[in-house]
Every structure is written in C-alpha cells, then in structure tokens.
Amino acid sequence: MVEWRRACGRSDVKEDSPLGIEIDGKPIGVFCTEGEFFAIEDVCSHEFAMLSGGYQEGDTIECPLHQALFNIKTGEHLTEPATCGVKIYPVKVEGDDIFVDIGETE
C-alpha cells in the first residue's frame, strides 16, 4: 500500500548534505545527489547510529560511528563493519515538497 508522507521541502536537503527526519516513528534519511532525491532507513544496520549524521559523497554515505559505507540509491552496504543494507523508500517531488512512501519498503 502506498503511503506518501511529506518529508521536507526541496531547500531543506542540499547536495551531499543529508537531512534526518522521522515519519510515523520511522527514522528516515533524505539525500540529494546530482539533483535527485533519495530516502533510506536512517539507522546503520551495524550499530545504532544515524546515517544522516555521516559524511555523504555522491551516492554513498559513511556511518559516523564505524565508517561503514552505504549506497543511498540502493541501500546496499558497501563496506564492513556493516554486513547488510538498509531499507530504501520511494521518493517523489511535487513542487517544492519532497514526499516519501513509507508503505511497503524494499
């Protein structure tokens, strides 16, 4: 079931500068790279740390706690110590608003 929720405004998320939000109790990181917006589960799969607080370069985010890398487009973990990826959420942009589908996730 599609559950679009307004996450933030376009101007709230800068290139390579993620935004951490919470929608219906779910921590979500919203990212911008090359003018496109992406949303992933904001909690590192290795240990509790907010990925949006990490260092983003292009389509990767580095966990601020133990430096595991994740792909913000696919949620895939790219390096240890993480051993699994994080959920991704569909994103749509309407005008100046960014919406995230918090329904079924991958």
Protein backbone atom coordinates (compact mmCIF):
# COMPACT_ATOMS: atom_id res chain seq x y z
CA MET A 1 0.00 0.00 0.00
CA VAL A 2 1.35 3.42 -0.95
CA GLU A 3 1.60 5.82 1.98
CA TRP A 4 3.07 9.10 0.73
CA ARG A 5 4.06 11.45 3.53
CA ARG A 6 5.57 14.91 3.19
CA ALA A 7 9.16 14.60 4.36
CA CYS A 8 10.51 18.11 3.85
CA GLY A 9 11.00 20.91 1.37
CA ARG A 10 13.48 20.70 -1.50
CA SER A 11 15.50 23.52 0.03
CA ASP A 12 15.88 21.53 3.28
CA VAL A 13 18.17 18.99 1.59
CA LYS A 14 21.38 20.19 -0.01
CA GLU A 15 23.68 18.29 -2.35
CA ASP A 16 25.88 15.96 -0.23
CA SER A 17 24.27 17.28 2.99
CA PRO A 18 21.58 14.81 4.18
CA LEU A 19 18.61 15.52 6.38
CA GLY A 20 17.46 13.19 9.13
CA ILE A 21 13.71 13.12 9.78
CA GLU A 22 11.12 10.92 11.42
CA ILE A 23 7.85 9.94 9.79
CA ASP A 24 5.34 7.93 11.80
CA GLY A 25 8.13 6.84 14.15
CA LYS A 26 10.43 5.71 11.34
CA PRO A 27 13.87 7.37 11.16
CA ILE A 28 14.50 8.31 7.54
CA GLY A 29 17.47 9.97 5.90
CA VAL A 30 16.74 12.16 2.88
CA PHE A 31 19.62 12.69 0.47
CA CYS A 32 20.33 14.71 -2.65
CA THR A 33 22.91 13.77 -5.24
CA GLU A 34 23.16 15.08 -8.80
CA GLY A 35 19.83 16.87 -8.30
CA GLU A 36 17.92 13.68 -7.41
CA PHE A 37 16.43 12.88 -4.01
CA PHE A 38 16.60 9.56 -2.19
CA ALA A 39 15.37 8.24 1.15
CA ILE A 40 16.75 5.38 3.21
CA GLU A 41 16.36 3.97 6.68
CA ASP A 42 18.43 6.38 8.75
CA VAL A 43 19.82 3.84 11.23
CA CYS A 44 23.02 1.98 10.41
CA SER A 45 22.48 -1.77 10.12
CA HIS A 46 25.69 -2.44 12.08
CA GLU A 47 25.10 -0.45 15.24
CA PHE A 48 22.73 2.32 16.25
CA ALA A 49 23.93 5.49 14.53
CA MET A 50 22.06 7.96 12.36
CA LEU A 51 23.40 7.73 8.82
CA SER A 52 22.22 11.26 8.04
CA GLY A 53 24.84 12.42 10.54
CA GLY A 54 27.59 10.85 8.47
CA TYR A 55 29.69 12.04 5.56
CA GLN A 56 27.99 11.91 2.16
CA GLU A 57 29.96 11.88 -1.06
CA GLY A 58 27.89 11.41 -4.21
CA ASP A 59 25.74 8.31 -3.83
CA THR A 60 27.47 6.98 -0.71
CA ILE A 61 27.00 7.78 2.96
CA GLU A 62 29.55 6.92 5.63
CA CYS A 63 28.24 5.92 9.05
CA PRO A 64 29.52 8.41 11.62
CA LEU A 65 30.16 5.67 14.19
CA HIS A 66 32.30 2.99 12.50
CA GLN A 67 32.62 4.31 8.92
CA ALA A 68 30.61 1.61 7.14
CA LEU A 69 29.59 2.82 3.68
CA PHE A 70 26.11 2.54 2.17
CA ASN A 71 24.71 3.32 -1.27
CA ILE A 72 21.93 5.91 -0.85
CA LYS A 73 20.22 4.80 -4.08
CA THR A 74 20.01 1.08 -3.31
CA GLY A 75 20.50 0.84 0.47
CA GLU A 76 23.28 -1.70 -0.15
CA HIS A 77 26.11 -1.86 2.36
CA LEU A 78 29.45 -1.36 0.64
CA THR A 79 31.96 -1.95 3.42
CA GLU A 80 32.30 -3.56 6.81
CA PRO A 81 31.61 -3.49 9.64
CA ALA A 82 28.04 -3.43 8.25
CA THR A 83 27.02 -6.83 6.91
CA CYS A 84 23.63 -5.94 5.46
CA GLY A 85 21.98 -2.98 3.81
CA VAL A 86 19.24 -0.62 4.93
CA LYS A 87 15.70 -0.12 3.63
CA ILE A 88 15.07 2.31 0.83
CA TYR A 89 11.92 4.36 0.42
CA PRO A 90 10.41 5.66 -2.83
CA VAL A 91 10.57 9.44 -3.22
CA LYS A 92 8.53 11.85 -5.29
CA VAL A 93 8.90 15.60 -5.66
CA GLU A 94 5.89 17.82 -6.18
CA GLY A 95 6.67 21.49 -6.49
CA ASP A 96 8.85 22.40 -3.52
CA ASP A 97 7.84 19.36 -1.45
CA ILE A 98 9.56 16.00 -1.09
CA PHE A 99 7.32 13.03 -0.30
CA VAL A 100 8.41 9.60 0.92
CA ASP A 101 6.36 6.42 0.55
CA ILE A 102 6.59 4.76 3.95
CA GLY A 103 4.31 1.88 2.98
CA GLU A 104 5.93 -1.26 1.64
CA THR A 105 9.69 -0.95 1.56
CA GLU A 106 12.42 -2.92 -0.10
